[in-house]
């Protein structure tokens, strides 16, 4: 067990220290990663992130990190066979009324799901777990429909979390596009504002997140179609003045037929260039240069993220795998070269001094970054215009250093690499109902955000039904 006696190991620790954990129990000839996972999972709790990725050995530091144990095993830690065998670790207590919060709630966040009786625990399977909460698939025995259920993790621990929870639910309720995840229902087992603490969001269920597709060799046709759908969904959001701000593979879900949907609007924000938005929005590897430098930014940050995701679909590797804020910037510069003076002039004086003290880097041509070898076997006879050169040119336009030179979403949809899929009903859908952008600027307390969220859920329960087809 962990030397800090927390009795919990993260997967990274298990893989790095597998010898110390299981070699005494497992014969050498059967010593595999799956064996490590199975043995450890059967003997101790496994927590998805008990240490920062940059810390190679975290046992001595576990005690300094939040003691967040989960009763939902991450999907990445569970094979399909294991998932089908049962729902060990998933606890659904049928909601029969209020569940008041204890006076001194436990420090660990046990992900118990208090759902209506029509969602039995025997039909629930874990999908994933993260900072924002846990997701399970569940079967509605009344309709026979399988849904995804997300339980938000401690939505009222501070103003940021409360505001994010309200924003996500509000935006999900407004949007209606085939490439954006559909809200089916929202629920809380608590009946009063005083006891309100649990938020469950019901959505349509997909087969997998995009991050699980990277191990599969895709051809141009499939990559092009996936990127086209990302652009359609993002254009729809942009038409309502909404920047997603957190596009990454884990926030994009797909089905086996290659249909794609964007999810997680907790960090989405209205378009407003009158102030500088926080840089800690987009996950680091998909963060545009203007965010890294704390500059004003707009919808083009979503295009940068899509470019990074497309590059990852092609190569199977993260394009800019920075280990921290500065390293992320350096990796972008080493790849694309030092930005032009016009871009640097729009940064802060301190940033200008920092860049001027760094050596000028020429950058690498896209033909070198994405040589023909990485496209081997990707030709699509059915769509001959989807060529290696078209893919490289598309990436170059989306990954332009300066957002003023970066391609817009409408220009991207007209690019030869995705325009083959262009269908007016996909692209030119009416924008969603107006979102009250003034909410983003309101300085509300946790209790005020909590009240807004509670009222929103109550309204959803009055006006929406799980019996409806969605």
Protein backbone atom coordinates (compact mmCIF):
# COMPACT_ATOMS: atom_id res chain seq x y z
CA UNK A 1 0.00 0.00 0.00
CA UNK A 2 0.96 3.63 -0.23
CA UNK A 3 3.65 4.51 2.30
CA UNK A 4 1.65 7.53 3.40
CA UNK A 5 -1.03 5.05 4.52
CA UNK A 6 -3.81 6.60 2.47
CA UNK A 7 -4.50 3.08 1.14
CA UNK A 8 -5.03 4.55 -2.32
CA UNK A 9 -2.85 4.38 -5.41
CA UNK A 10 -3.37 6.16 -8.68
CA UNK A 11 -2.96 4.27 -11.94
CA UNK A 12 0.25 6.15 -12.69
CA UNK A 13 1.79 4.96 -9.43
CA UNK A 14 0.66 1.40 -10.08
CA UNK A 15 2.28 1.32 -13.49
CA UNK A 16 5.50 2.97 -12.31
CA UNK A 17 5.86 0.88 -9.18
CA UNK A 18 4.27 -2.34 -10.31
CA UNK A 19 7.27 -4.36 -9.13
CA UNK A 20 6.85 -3.26 -5.52
CA UNK A 21 3.09 -3.75 -5.65
CA UNK A 22 2.58 -7.15 -7.23
CA UNK A 23 5.76 -8.94 -8.21
CA UNK A 24 5.69 -10.99 -5.02
CA UNK A 25 2.20 -12.20 -5.82
CA UNK A 26 2.36 -12.75 -9.59
CA UNK A 27 4.65 -15.14 -11.53
CA UNK A 28 7.06 -13.30 -13.81
CA UNK A 29 5.78 -14.98 -16.95
CA UNK A 30 2.27 -13.60 -16.35
CA UNK A 31 3.43 -10.16 -15.26
CA UNK A 32 1.42 -7.79 -17.47
CA UNK A 33 -0.25 -4.43 -17.21
CA UNK A 34 -3.68 -6.07 -17.04
CA UNK A 35 -2.49 -8.29 -14.23
CA UNK A 36 -1.29 -5.24 -12.34
CA UNK A 37 -4.60 -3.54 -12.81
CA UNK A 38 -6.66 -6.57 -11.82
CA UNK A 39 -4.57 -7.43 -8.76
CA UNK A 40 -4.42 -3.89 -7.46
CA UNK A 41 -8.06 -3.20 -8.21
CA UNK A 42 -9.07 -6.29 -6.26
CA UNK A 43 -7.02 -5.40 -3.18
CA UNK A 44 -7.12 -1.61 -2.80
CA UNK A 45 -9.06 1.37 -4.00
CA UNK A 46 -7.69 3.00 -7.13
CA UNK A 47 -8.05 6.74 -7.46
CA UNK A 48 -7.75 8.31 -10.93
CA UNK A 49 -5.59 11.27 -9.97
CA UNK A 50 -3.96 11.24 -6.57
CA UNK A 51 -0.80 12.89 -7.82
CA UNK A 52 0.16 15.58 -10.35
CA UNK A 53 1.29 14.08 -13.69
CA UNK A 54 4.65 15.82 -13.32
CA UNK A 55 5.45 13.90 -10.12
CA UNK A 56 6.90 10.49 -11.11
CA UNK A 57 6.60 8.95 -7.66
CA UNK A 58 3.89 10.42 -5.50
CA UNK A 59 3.63 8.19 -2.45
CA UNK A 60 5.34 10.65 -0.11
CA UNK A 61 3.03 13.42 -1.36
CA UNK A 62 -0.31 11.64 -1.34
CA UNK A 63 -1.09 12.96 2.12
CA UNK A 64 -0.89 16.54 0.82
CA UNK A 65 -3.55 15.95 -1.81
CA UNK A 66 -7.34 15.88 -1.40
CA UNK A 67 -8.55 12.58 -0.03
CA UNK A 68 -11.09 12.05 -2.79
CA UNK A 69 -12.04 8.41 -3.02
CA UNK A 70 -14.63 7.37 -5.54
CA UNK A 71 -17.09 4.54 -5.65
CA UNK A 72 -17.10 4.82 -9.43
CA UNK A 73 -14.21 3.11 -11.16
CA UNK A 74 -12.90 5.05 -14.17
CA UNK A 75 -13.76 3.40 -17.47
CA UNK A 76 -10.06 3.41 -18.35
CA UNK A 77 -9.49 1.08 -15.40
CA UNK A 78 -12.16 -1.39 -16.46
CA UNK A 79 -12.43 -3.73 -19.41
CA UNK A 80 -15.72 -4.20 -21.24
CA UNK A 81 -16.00 -7.68 -19.78
CA UNK A 82 -15.57 -6.33 -16.26
CA UNK A 83 -18.10 -3.60 -16.89
CA UNK A 84 -20.64 -6.14 -18.10
CA UNK A 85 -20.24 -8.36 -15.06
CA UNK A 86 -21.85 -5.91 -12.65
CA UNK A 87 -21.76 -2.52 -11.04
CA UNK A 88 -19.39 -3.00 -8.18
CA UNK A 89 -18.40 0.42 -6.91
CA UNK A 90 -21.53 2.12 -8.28
CA UNK A 91 -24.03 2.83 -5.55
CA UNK A 92 -27.50 3.99 -6.42
CA UNK A 93 -29.80 4.68 -3.52
CA UNK A 94 -33.35 5.20 -4.80
CA UNK A 95 -34.46 8.70 -4.00
CA UNK A 96 -37.40 8.60 -1.69
CA UNK A 97 -37.21 12.12 -0.37
CA UNK A 98 -34.76 14.61 1.00
CA UNK A 99 -31.23 13.60 1.84
CA UNK A 100 -30.06 16.39 4.12
CA UNK A 101 -26.36 17.02 4.20
CA UNK A 102 -24.68 15.91 7.40
CA UNK A 103 -23.48 18.62 9.75
CA UNK A 104 -19.90 17.48 9.19
CA UNK A 105 -19.74 15.89 5.73
CA UNK A 106 -16.90 13.44 5.13
CA UNK A 107 -13.76 14.77 3.50
CA UNK A 108 -13.83 12.07 0.84
CA UNK A 109 -16.25 12.50 -2.01
CA UNK A 110 -18.13 9.21 -2.22
CA UNK A 111 -19.98 9.19 -5.51
CA UNK A 112 -23.26 7.65 -4.42
CA UNK A 113 -25.99 8.12 -6.99
CA UNK A 114 -29.39 8.92 -5.44
CA UNK A 115 -31.59 8.34 -8.50
CA UNK A 116 -35.28 7.51 -8.91
CA UNK A 117 -36.17 3.82 -8.58
CA UNK A 118 -36.67 3.57 -12.35
CA UNK A 119 -32.84 3.57 -12.61
CA UNK A 120 -31.77 0.42 -10.68
CA UNK A 121 -28.15 0.06 -9.64
CA UNK A 122 -27.99 -3.35 -11.30
CA UNK A 123 -28.28 -1.60 -14.68
CA UNK A 124 -25.68 1.10 -13.98
CA UNK A 125 -22.11 1.03 -15.28
CA UNK A 126 -19.30 3.55 -14.68
CA UNK A 127 -18.15 5.62 -17.63
CA UNK A 128 -15.67 8.05 -16.15
CA UNK A 129 -14.73 10.22 -13.23
CA UNK A 130 -13.00 13.58 -13.07
CA UNK A 131 -12.68 16.84 -11.22
CA UNK A 132 -16.19 17.95 -12.12
CA UNK A 133 -17.92 14.71 -11.18
CA UNK A 134 -18.71 11.14 -12.13
CA UNK A 135 -20.60 9.77 -15.11
CA UNK A 136 -22.45 6.47 -15.30
CA UNK A 137 -24.66 4.83 -17.87
CA UNK A 138 -28.08 3.89 -16.55
CA UNK A 139 -31.11 2.09 -17.93
CA UNK A 140 -34.56 3.57 -17.48
CA UNK A 141 -36.57 0.40 -16.87
CA UNK A 142 -39.78 2.33 -17.55
CA UNK A 143 -38.82 3.18 -21.13
CA UNK A 144 -35.95 0.74 -21.74
CA UNK A 145 -33.73 3.63 -22.79
CA UNK A 146 -30.06 3.77 -21.78
CA UNK A 147 -28.87 7.22 -20.71
CA UNK A 148 -25.75 8.91 -19.41
CA UNK A 149 -26.05 10.38 -15.92
CA UNK A 150 -23.53 12.92 -14.66
CA UNK A 151 -23.34 13.76 -10.98
CA UNK A 152 -21.61 17.07 -10.35
CA UNK A 153 -18.87 16.94 -7.74
CA UNK A 154 -19.43 19.37 -4.87
CA UNK A 155 -21.11 22.02 -7.04
CA UNK A 156 -21.37 24.48 -4.15
CA UNK A 157 -17.89 24.31 -2.67
CA UNK A 158 -17.13 27.81 -3.99
CA UNK A 159 -18.43 30.50 -6.31
CA UNK A 160 -16.54 29.19 -9.34
CA UNK A 161 -18.00 25.69 -9.07
CA UNK A 162 -21.52 26.98 -8.41
CA UNK A 163 -21.40 29.40 -11.34
CA UNK A 164 -19.98 26.69 -13.62
CA UNK A 165 -22.75 24.26 -12.68
CA UNK A 166 -25.47 26.81 -13.38
CA UNK A 167 -23.90 27.91 -16.66
CA UNK A 168 -23.53 24.34 -17.92
CA UNK A 169 -27.13 23.40 -17.19
CA UNK A 170 -28.50 26.66 -18.57
CA UNK A 171 -26.58 26.37 -21.84
CA UNK A 172 -27.42 22.70 -22.29
CA UNK A 173 -31.07 23.58 -21.97
CA UNK A 174 -30.84 26.26 -24.65
CA UNK A 175 -28.89 24.45 -27.35
CA UNK A 176 -30.36 22.07 -29.91
CA UNK A 177 -27.93 20.77 -32.51
CA UNK A 178 -27.10 17.23 -33.71
CA UNK A 179 -23.42 17.76 -32.89
CA UNK A 180 -24.01 18.96 -29.32
CA UNK A 181 -25.01 16.60 -26.54
CA UNK A 182 -28.70 16.77 -25.77
CA UNK A 183 -30.02 17.43 -22.29
CA UNK A 184 -32.81 14.99 -21.46
CA UNK A 185 -33.46 15.83 -17.83
CA UNK A 186 -31.99 17.28 -14.65
CA UNK A 187 -32.70 16.02 -11.18
CA UNK A 188 -32.02 16.49 -7.50
CA UNK A 189 -33.37 14.21 -4.76
CA UNK A 190 -33.55 17.13 -2.34
CA UNK A 191 -36.88 18.93 -2.12
CA UNK A 192 -35.83 22.20 -0.49
CA UNK A 193 -33.18 24.82 -1.11
CA UNK A 194 -31.74 24.35 2.37
CA UNK A 195 -31.01 20.66 1.78
CA UNK A 196 -30.11 21.02 -1.92
CA UNK A 197 -26.67 19.63 -2.66
CA UNK A 198 -26.85 16.97 -5.43
CA UNK A 199 -27.11 17.74 -9.15
CA UNK A 200 -27.70 15.03 -11.76
CA UNK A 201 -27.69 15.76 -15.48
CA UNK A 202 -29.25 13.18 -17.83
CA UNK A 203 -28.07 13.16 -21.44
CA UNK A 204 -28.11 10.86 -24.43
CA UNK A 205 -25.54 8.08 -24.22
CA UNK A 206 -22.71 7.79 -26.74
CA UNK A 207 -20.26 4.92 -27.29
CA UNK A 208 -16.98 6.55 -26.29
CA UNK A 209 -15.07 9.78 -25.88
CA UNK A 210 -12.75 10.86 -28.66
CA UNK A 211 -9.67 10.22 -26.53
CA UNK A 212 -10.33 6.49 -26.84
CA UNK A 213 -10.24 6.75 -30.65
CA UNK A 214 -6.62 7.87 -30.84
CA UNK A 215 -5.32 4.32 -30.76
CA UNK A 216 -7.27 3.54 -33.94
CA UNK A 217 -5.83 4.29 -37.36
CA UNK A 218 -8.40 6.43 -39.14
CA UNK A 219 -8.47 7.34 -42.81
CA UNK A 220 -8.92 10.83 -44.24
CA UNK A 221 -12.63 10.26 -44.74
CA UNK A 222 -13.32 9.58 -41.08
CA UNK A 223 -10.99 12.27 -39.73
CA UNK A 224 -12.50 14.80 -42.11
CA UNK A 225 -16.03 13.86 -41.07
CA UNK A 226 -15.20 14.06 -37.36
CA UNK A 227 -13.62 17.50 -37.74
CA UNK A 228 -16.54 18.68 -39.87
CA UNK A 229 -18.96 17.78 -37.07
CA UNK A 230 -16.82 19.60 -34.49
CA UNK A 231 -16.94 22.69 -36.66
CA UNK A 232 -20.71 22.45 -37.13
CA UNK A 233 -21.27 22.23 -33.38
CA UNK A 234 -18.87 25.07 -32.63
CA UNK A 235 -20.35 27.29 -35.32
CA UNK A 236 -23.75 26.82 -33.72
CA UNK A 237 -22.38 27.96 -30.36
CA UNK A 238 -20.52 30.88 -31.92
CA UNK A 239 -23.73 32.00 -33.66
CA UNK A 240 -25.18 32.54 -30.18
CA UNK A 241 -22.10 34.44 -29.03
CA UNK A 242 -20.78 31.50 -26.98
CA UNK A 243 -17.15 30.34 -26.88
CA UNK A 244 -16.80 26.76 -25.66
CA UNK A 245 -13.27 27.38 -24.24
CA UNK A 246 -12.64 23.79 -23.18
CA UNK A 247 -12.53 21.70 -26.33
CA UNK A 248 -10.48 18.55 -25.76
CA UNK A 249 -10.82 14.88 -26.67
CA UNK A 250 -12.51 13.95 -23.40
CA UNK A 251 -15.20 16.59 -24.03
CA UNK A 252 -16.09 15.12 -27.42
CA UNK A 253 -18.05 11.90 -27.63
CA UNK A 254 -18.65 9.64 -30.61
CA UNK A 255 -20.67 6.67 -31.76
CA UNK A 256 -19.46 3.70 -33.74
CA UNK A 257 -21.05 5.15 -36.88
CA UNK A 258 -18.68 8.15 -36.57
CA UNK A 259 -21.30 10.64 -35.41
CA UNK A 260 -19.90 13.15 -32.94
CA UNK A 261 -21.22 15.41 -30.19
CA UNK A 262 -19.62 18.12 -28.06
CA UNK A 263 -20.30 18.22 -24.35
CA UNK A 264 -19.34 19.97 -21.10
CA UNK A 265 -20.30 23.64 -21.16
CA UNK A 266 -19.14 24.44 -17.66
CA UNK A 267 -16.42 26.75 -19.00
CA UNK A 268 -18.32 28.16 -21.97
CA UNK A 269 -18.56 31.93 -22.02
CA UNK A 270 -20.13 34.75 -23.95
CA UNK A 271 -18.03 36.56 -26.52
CA UNK A 272 -16.71 39.78 -24.99
CA UNK A 273 -13.40 41.32 -26.01
CA UNK A 274 -13.66 44.21 -23.59
CA UNK A 275 -11.62 42.35 -20.98
CA UNK A 276 -9.03 39.63 -20.73
CA UNK A 277 -10.46 36.26 -19.79
CA UNK A 278 -8.61 33.89 -17.52
CA UNK A 279 -6.09 31.59 -19.16
CA UNK A 280 -7.06 28.62 -17.00
CA UNK A 281 -9.94 27.57 -19.19
CA UNK A 282 -8.75 25.34 -22.01
CA UNK A 283 -6.85 22.23 -20.97
CA UNK A 284 -3.17 23.08 -21.39
CA UNK A 285 -2.37 20.94 -24.45
CA UNK A 286 -5.20 22.54 -26.44
CA UNK A 287 -4.66 26.10 -25.22
CA UNK A 288 -4.16 28.80 -27.85
CA UNK A 289 -1.13 31.13 -27.66
CA UNK A 290 -3.27 34.18 -26.90
CA UNK A 291 -4.66 32.41 -23.82
CA UNK A 292 -1.22 31.37 -22.64
CA UNK A 293 -0.06 34.99 -22.87
CA UNK A 294 -3.17 36.24 -21.07
CA UNK A 295 -4.29 38.32 -24.04
CA UNK A 296 -7.83 39.15 -25.07
CA UNK A 297 -9.28 36.33 -27.14
CA UNK A 298 -12.37 35.37 -29.08
CA UNK A 299 -13.92 32.43 -30.94
CA UNK A 300 -10.62 31.63 -32.67
CA UNK A 301 -9.42 29.81 -29.52
CA UNK A 302 -11.90 27.05 -30.33
CA UNK A 303 -10.43 26.72 -33.83
CA UNK A 304 -6.94 26.29 -32.35
CA UNK A 305 -8.23 23.52 -30.10
CA UNK A 306 -9.86 21.74 -33.04
CA UNK A 307 -6.56 21.98 -34.94
CA UNK A 308 -4.73 20.35 -32.03
CA UNK A 309 -7.34 17.59 -31.85
CA UNK A 310 -7.15 16.95 -35.60
CA UNK A 311 -3.36 16.67 -35.40
CA UNK A 312 -3.77 14.14 -32.60
CA UNK A 313 -6.24 12.13 -34.69
CA UNK A 314 -3.65 11.92 -37.46
CA UNK A 315 -0.55 11.11 -35.45
CA UNK A 316 -2.00 9.55 -32.31
CA UNK A 317 0.15 11.87 -30.17
CA UNK A 318 -0.47 15.22 -28.47
CA UNK A 319 0.90 17.97 -30.71
CA UNK A 320 2.04 20.31 -27.92
CA UNK A 321 2.53 18.17 -24.77
CA UNK A 322 3.66 20.94 -22.43
CA UNK A 323 4.28 19.99 -18.81
CA UNK A 324 3.45 23.44 -17.44
CA UNK A 325 2.43 26.92 -18.56
CA UNK A 326 5.90 28.01 -19.72
CA UNK A 327 6.77 24.67 -21.29
CA UNK A 328 3.53 24.77 -23.27
CA UNK A 329 4.53 28.12 -24.75
CA UNK A 330 8.04 26.91 -25.56
CA UNK A 331 6.74 23.81 -27.34
CA UNK A 332 4.45 25.92 -29.52
CA UNK A 333 7.32 28.28 -30.39
CA UNK A 334 9.70 25.39 -31.12
CA UNK A 335 7.11 23.92 -33.47
CA UNK A 336 5.62 26.98 -35.17
CA UNK A 337 8.45 29.46 -34.69
CA UNK A 338 8.71 32.81 -32.93
CA UNK A 339 5.54 34.85 -33.56
CA UNK A 340 5.62 37.85 -35.84
CA UNK A 341 6.25 41.36 -34.44
CA UNK A 342 2.62 42.35 -35.07
CA UNK A 343 1.47 39.64 -32.68
CA UNK A 344 4.12 40.41 -30.07
CA UNK A 345 3.16 44.11 -30.15
CA UNK A 346 -0.31 43.22 -28.84
CA UNK A 347 1.07 41.49 -25.75
CA UNK A 348 1.90 43.10 -22.41
CA UNK A 349 5.25 44.90 -21.95
CA UNK A 350 6.45 42.11 -19.68
CA UNK A 351 5.64 39.47 -22.29
CA UNK A 352 7.37 41.52 -24.97
CA UNK A 353 10.54 41.64 -22.87
CA UNK A 354 10.36 37.90 -22.22
CA UNK A 355 9.97 37.04 -25.91
CA UNK A 356 12.71 39.48 -26.94
CA UNK A 357 15.13 37.75 -24.56
CA UNK A 358 14.47 34.37 -26.16
CA UNK A 359 16.31 33.18 -29.27
CA UNK A 360 14.41 33.56 -32.53
CA UNK A 361 13.09 30.19 -33.72
CA UNK A 362 12.28 29.56 -37.35
CA UNK A 363 9.74 26.84 -36.70
CA UNK A 364 9.21 23.66 -38.65
CA UNK A 365 7.31 23.44 -41.94
CA UNK A 366 4.08 21.47 -41.82
CA UNK A 367 5.46 19.08 -44.40
CA UNK A 368 8.04 18.11 -41.79
CA UNK A 369 5.58 18.07 -38.90
CA UNK A 370 3.16 15.90 -40.85
CA UNK A 371 5.16 14.01 -43.47
CA UNK A 372 3.50 11.62 -45.89
CA UNK A 373 4.58 8.72 -43.67
CA UNK A 374 2.08 9.67 -40.96
CA UNK A 375 -0.70 9.56 -43.56
CA UNK A 376 0.22 6.09 -44.76
CA UNK A 377 -2.89 4.01 -45.33
CA UNK A 378 -5.20 7.00 -44.88
CA UNK A 379 -6.16 7.54 -48.52
CA UNK A 380 -9.92 7.47 -49.13
CA UNK A 381 -10.84 6.19 -52.62
CA UNK A 382 -14.43 7.34 -52.13
CA UNK A 383 -13.33 10.94 -51.52
CA UNK A 384 -10.16 11.52 -53.57
CA UNK A 385 -10.04 15.25 -52.79
CA UNK A 386 -9.13 14.42 -49.18
CA UNK A 387 -5.38 14.43 -49.69
CA UNK A 388 -2.36 14.72 -47.43
CA UNK A 389 -1.70 18.21 -48.76
CA UNK A 390 -5.27 19.29 -48.03
CA UNK A 391 -4.97 18.01 -44.45
CA UNK A 392 -1.66 19.82 -43.93
CA UNK A 393 -3.03 23.08 -45.32
CA UNK A 394 -6.10 22.81 -43.10
CA UNK A 395 -3.94 22.25 -40.02
CA UNK A 396 -1.69 25.16 -40.93
CA UNK A 397 -4.68 27.51 -41.15
CA UNK A 398 -6.24 26.40 -37.87
CA UNK A 399 -2.90 26.47 -36.06
CA UNK A 400 -1.89 29.94 -37.18
CA UNK A 401 0.01 31.56 -34.30
CA UNK A 402 -1.75 34.90 -34.64
CA UNK A 403 -5.53 34.62 -34.19
CA UNK A 404 -5.94 37.47 -36.68
CA UNK A 405 -4.42 35.15 -39.29
CA UNK A 406 -6.18 32.02 -38.05
CA UNK A 407 -9.04 30.61 -40.06
CA UNK A 408 -12.59 31.35 -38.86
CA UNK A 409 -15.19 28.63 -38.38
CA UNK A 410 -17.03 29.62 -41.58
CA UNK A 411 -13.77 29.63 -43.54
CA UNK A 412 -12.90 26.26 -42.03
CA UNK A 413 -16.22 24.77 -43.13
CA UNK A 414 -15.48 25.96 -46.67
CA UNK A 415 -12.02 24.35 -46.73
CA UNK A 416 -11.64 21.47 -49.22
CA UNK A 417 -10.71 19.04 -46.44
CA UNK A 418 -14.20 19.24 -44.87
CA UNK A 419 -16.41 21.00 -47.44
CA UNK A 420 -17.20 17.64 -49.04
CA UNK A 421 -19.56 17.02 -46.11
CA UNK A 422 -21.18 20.45 -46.21
CA UNK A 423 -24.93 20.24 -45.69
CA UNK A 424 -26.80 23.45 -45.11
CA UNK A 425 -29.07 21.95 -42.46
CA UNK A 426 -25.99 20.99 -40.41
CA UNK A 427 -24.30 24.36 -40.73
CA UNK A 428 -27.01 26.99 -40.99
CA UNK A 429 -29.27 25.90 -38.17
CA UNK A 430 -31.07 28.72 -36.35
CA UNK A 431 -29.05 29.89 -33.35
CA UNK A 432 -30.15 28.76 -29.89
CA UNK A 433 -32.37 30.85 -27.67
CA UNK A 434 -30.51 33.87 -26.29
CA UNK A 435 -28.32 33.23 -23.28
CA UNK A 436 -28.24 35.99 -20.68
CA UNK A 437 -24.60 37.02 -21.11
CA UNK A 438 -24.96 39.48 -18.24
CA UNK A 439 -24.91 36.49 -15.88
CA UNK A 440 -21.22 35.96 -16.63
CA UNK A 441 -20.40 39.36 -15.19
CA UNK A 442 -22.63 39.17 -12.12
CA UNK A 443 -20.87 39.01 -8.78
CA UNK A 444 -23.13 36.55 -6.98
CA UNK A 445 -22.49 34.53 -3.85
CA UNK A 446 -22.49 30.75 -3.67
CA UNK A 447 -25.96 30.81 -2.11
CA UNK A 448 -27.30 33.00 -4.90
CA UNK A 449 -25.91 30.70 -7.61
CA UNK A 450 -27.28 27.76 -5.66
CA UNK A 451 -30.75 29.29 -5.66
CA UNK A 452 -30.60 29.93 -9.41
CA UNK A 453 -29.53 26.35 -10.07
CA UNK A 454 -32.21 24.92 -7.79
CA UNK A 455 -34.89 26.97 -9.54
CA UNK A 456 -33.55 25.86 -12.94
CA UNK A 457 -33.76 22.19 -11.97
CA UNK A 458 -37.26 22.64 -10.57
CA UNK A 459 -38.34 24.24 -13.85
CA UNK A 460 -36.81 21.38 -15.83
CA UNK A 461 -38.65 18.84 -13.71
CA UNK A 462 -41.91 20.70 -14.37
CA UNK A 463 -41.45 21.11 -18.12
CA UNK A 464 -39.40 18.07 -19.20
CA UNK A 465 -40.08 14.37 -18.81
CA UNK A 466 -37.91 11.28 -19.00
CA UNK A 467 -40.83 9.57 -20.74
CA UNK A 468 -40.34 11.79 -23.78
CA UNK A 469 -38.30 10.49 -26.68
CA UNK A 470 -35.09 12.46 -27.07
